[in-house]
Amino acid sequence: MRIITVLVFLGMSVFLWTTAQPSQAHSLIYPPRAMTAANVRGLWGPPVSTRGPIGIRHYREWVYPHFTVVLERGRVIHTIETHPLHLPVPNRIPSPLRPGG
C-alpha cells in the first residue's frame, strides 16, 4: 500500500493530508467502478439477494456476504463494504416493567 502525503502552504498556515492508496491486489477484492454486471456475476457469482429497480435512474443493489454493489445501467457505480453487527450479549434478560411498582 502506498502512502501519499501532500503539503499545502497557504500564507502562514501549513496543511498536511495523508491518504493511503490501495495496491492493485487490494482493488480486486471488491468490484471497481464501471465494471459490468456480467463481470461482477462472473467473478463473485450470483448475489445473495437483489433489490431494484429503485428510483428514476433504476438503480439495482446486489448484496454479497461482505459487500453490496450498486448498479446503474448494468455498470457498478458504488461498492459498499458491509460488516456484521456484533452486539454484546446481556448476562440476563431484563424483566418487563410492571405498572404501579
Protein backbone atom coordinates (compact mmCIF):
# COMPACT_ATOMS: atom_id res chain seq x y z
CA MET A 1 0.00 0.00 0.00
CA ARG A 2 1.43 3.36 -0.99
CA ILE A 3 1.05 6.43 1.20
CA ILE A 4 0.77 9.81 -0.49
CA THR A 5 1.41 12.93 1.57
CA VAL A 6 0.58 16.41 0.26
CA LEU A 7 1.78 19.66 1.82
CA VAL A 8 -0.11 22.86 1.03
CA PHE A 9 1.22 26.26 2.04
CA LEU A 10 -1.45 28.96 2.38
CA GLY A 11 0.00 32.14 3.79
CA MET A 12 1.44 31.23 7.20
CA SER A 13 -0.59 28.01 7.53
CA VAL A 14 0.56 24.55 6.54
CA PHE A 15 -1.92 21.77 5.87
CA LEU A 16 -0.90 18.14 5.70
CA TRP A 17 -3.04 15.48 4.04
CA THR A 18 -2.07 11.84 4.05
CA THR A 19 -4.06 9.33 2.05
CA ALA A 20 -3.50 5.65 1.58
CA GLN A 21 -3.61 4.39 -1.98
CA PRO A 22 -4.71 0.76 -2.35
CA SER A 23 -2.42 -1.59 -4.21
CA GLN A 24 -3.65 -3.35 -7.34
CA ALA A 25 -4.15 -6.60 -5.44
CA HIS A 26 -6.43 -4.86 -2.92
CA SER A 27 -8.59 -3.34 -5.67
CA LEU A 28 -9.69 -6.79 -6.84
CA ILE A 29 -11.30 -7.65 -3.50
CA TYR A 30 -14.39 -5.61 -4.44
CA PRO A 31 -15.85 -4.76 -7.85
CA PRO A 32 -14.36 -1.49 -9.14
CA ARG A 33 -16.42 1.35 -10.54
CA ALA A 34 -17.63 0.91 -14.15
CA MET A 35 -17.30 -2.90 -14.09
CA THR A 36 -20.16 -4.57 -15.95
CA ALA A 37 -22.82 -6.57 -14.13
CA ALA A 38 -21.85 -9.65 -16.16
CA ASN A 39 -18.23 -9.37 -14.95
CA VAL A 40 -19.35 -8.97 -11.34
CA ARG A 41 -21.53 -12.06 -11.59
CA GLY A 42 -18.73 -13.96 -13.34
CA LEU A 43 -16.08 -13.11 -10.70
CA TRP A 44 -18.15 -13.14 -7.49
CA GLY A 45 -21.01 -15.43 -8.50
CA PRO A 46 -24.71 -14.76 -8.02
CA PRO A 47 -25.65 -12.29 -5.27
CA VAL A 48 -27.26 -13.45 -2.02
CA SER A 49 -30.15 -11.06 -2.69
CA THR A 50 -31.08 -8.30 -5.11
CA ARG A 51 -33.16 -5.16 -4.94
CA GLY A 52 -34.40 -2.88 -7.69
CA PRO A 53 -35.02 -1.16 -9.93
CA ILE A 54 -35.06 1.77 -7.49
CA GLY A 55 -35.94 5.38 -8.35
CA ILE A 56 -35.93 7.23 -11.63
CA ARG A 57 -32.45 6.06 -12.62
CA HIS A 58 -33.36 2.41 -11.98
CA TYR A 59 -30.55 1.60 -9.55
CA ARG A 60 -30.10 -2.04 -8.60
CA GLU A 61 -28.44 -3.43 -5.49
CA TRP A 62 -26.72 -6.78 -5.39
CA VAL A 63 -25.97 -7.97 -1.88
CA TYR A 64 -22.99 -10.26 -1.27
CA PRO A 65 -21.83 -11.55 2.15
CA HIS A 66 -19.20 -8.80 2.69
CA PHE A 67 -20.22 -6.03 0.31
CA THR A 68 -23.14 -4.54 -1.61
CA VAL A 69 -22.83 -3.46 -5.24
CA VAL A 70 -24.96 -0.59 -6.60
CA LEU A 71 -25.52 -0.79 -10.36
CA GLU A 72 -26.86 1.73 -12.85
CA ARG A 73 -27.45 0.73 -16.47
CA GLY A 74 -25.59 -2.53 -15.93
CA ARG A 75 -22.42 -0.90 -14.53
CA VAL A 76 -21.05 -0.62 -10.98
CA ILE A 77 -21.35 2.88 -9.55
CA HIS A 78 -20.66 2.06 -5.86
CA THR A 79 -19.37 -0.83 -3.81
CA ILE A 80 -20.18 -0.66 -0.12
CA GLU A 81 -18.27 -2.84 2.33
CA THR A 82 -20.55 -4.33 4.97
CA HIS A 83 -19.61 -5.61 8.40
CA PRO A 84 -21.67 -7.91 10.60
CA LEU A 85 -23.15 -6.18 13.60
CA HIS A 86 -21.66 -7.60 16.80
CA LEU A 87 -23.68 -6.56 19.83
CA PRO A 88 -22.76 -7.51 23.37
CA VAL A 89 -24.86 -10.31 24.79
CA PRO A 90 -26.56 -9.28 28.04
CA ASN A 91 -25.81 -11.51 31.01
CA ARG A 92 -29.51 -11.57 31.88
CA ILE A 93 -32.73 -10.69 30.13
CA PRO A 94 -34.40 -7.66 31.75
CA SER A 95 -37.88 -8.27 33.17
CA PRO A 96 -40.72 -6.16 31.78
CA LEU A 97 -41.76 -3.12 33.76
CA ARG A 98 -44.77 -3.72 35.98
CA PRO A 99 -47.38 -0.99 36.35
CA GLY A 100 -47.56 0.50 39.83
CA GLY A 101 -44.37 -0.87 41.08
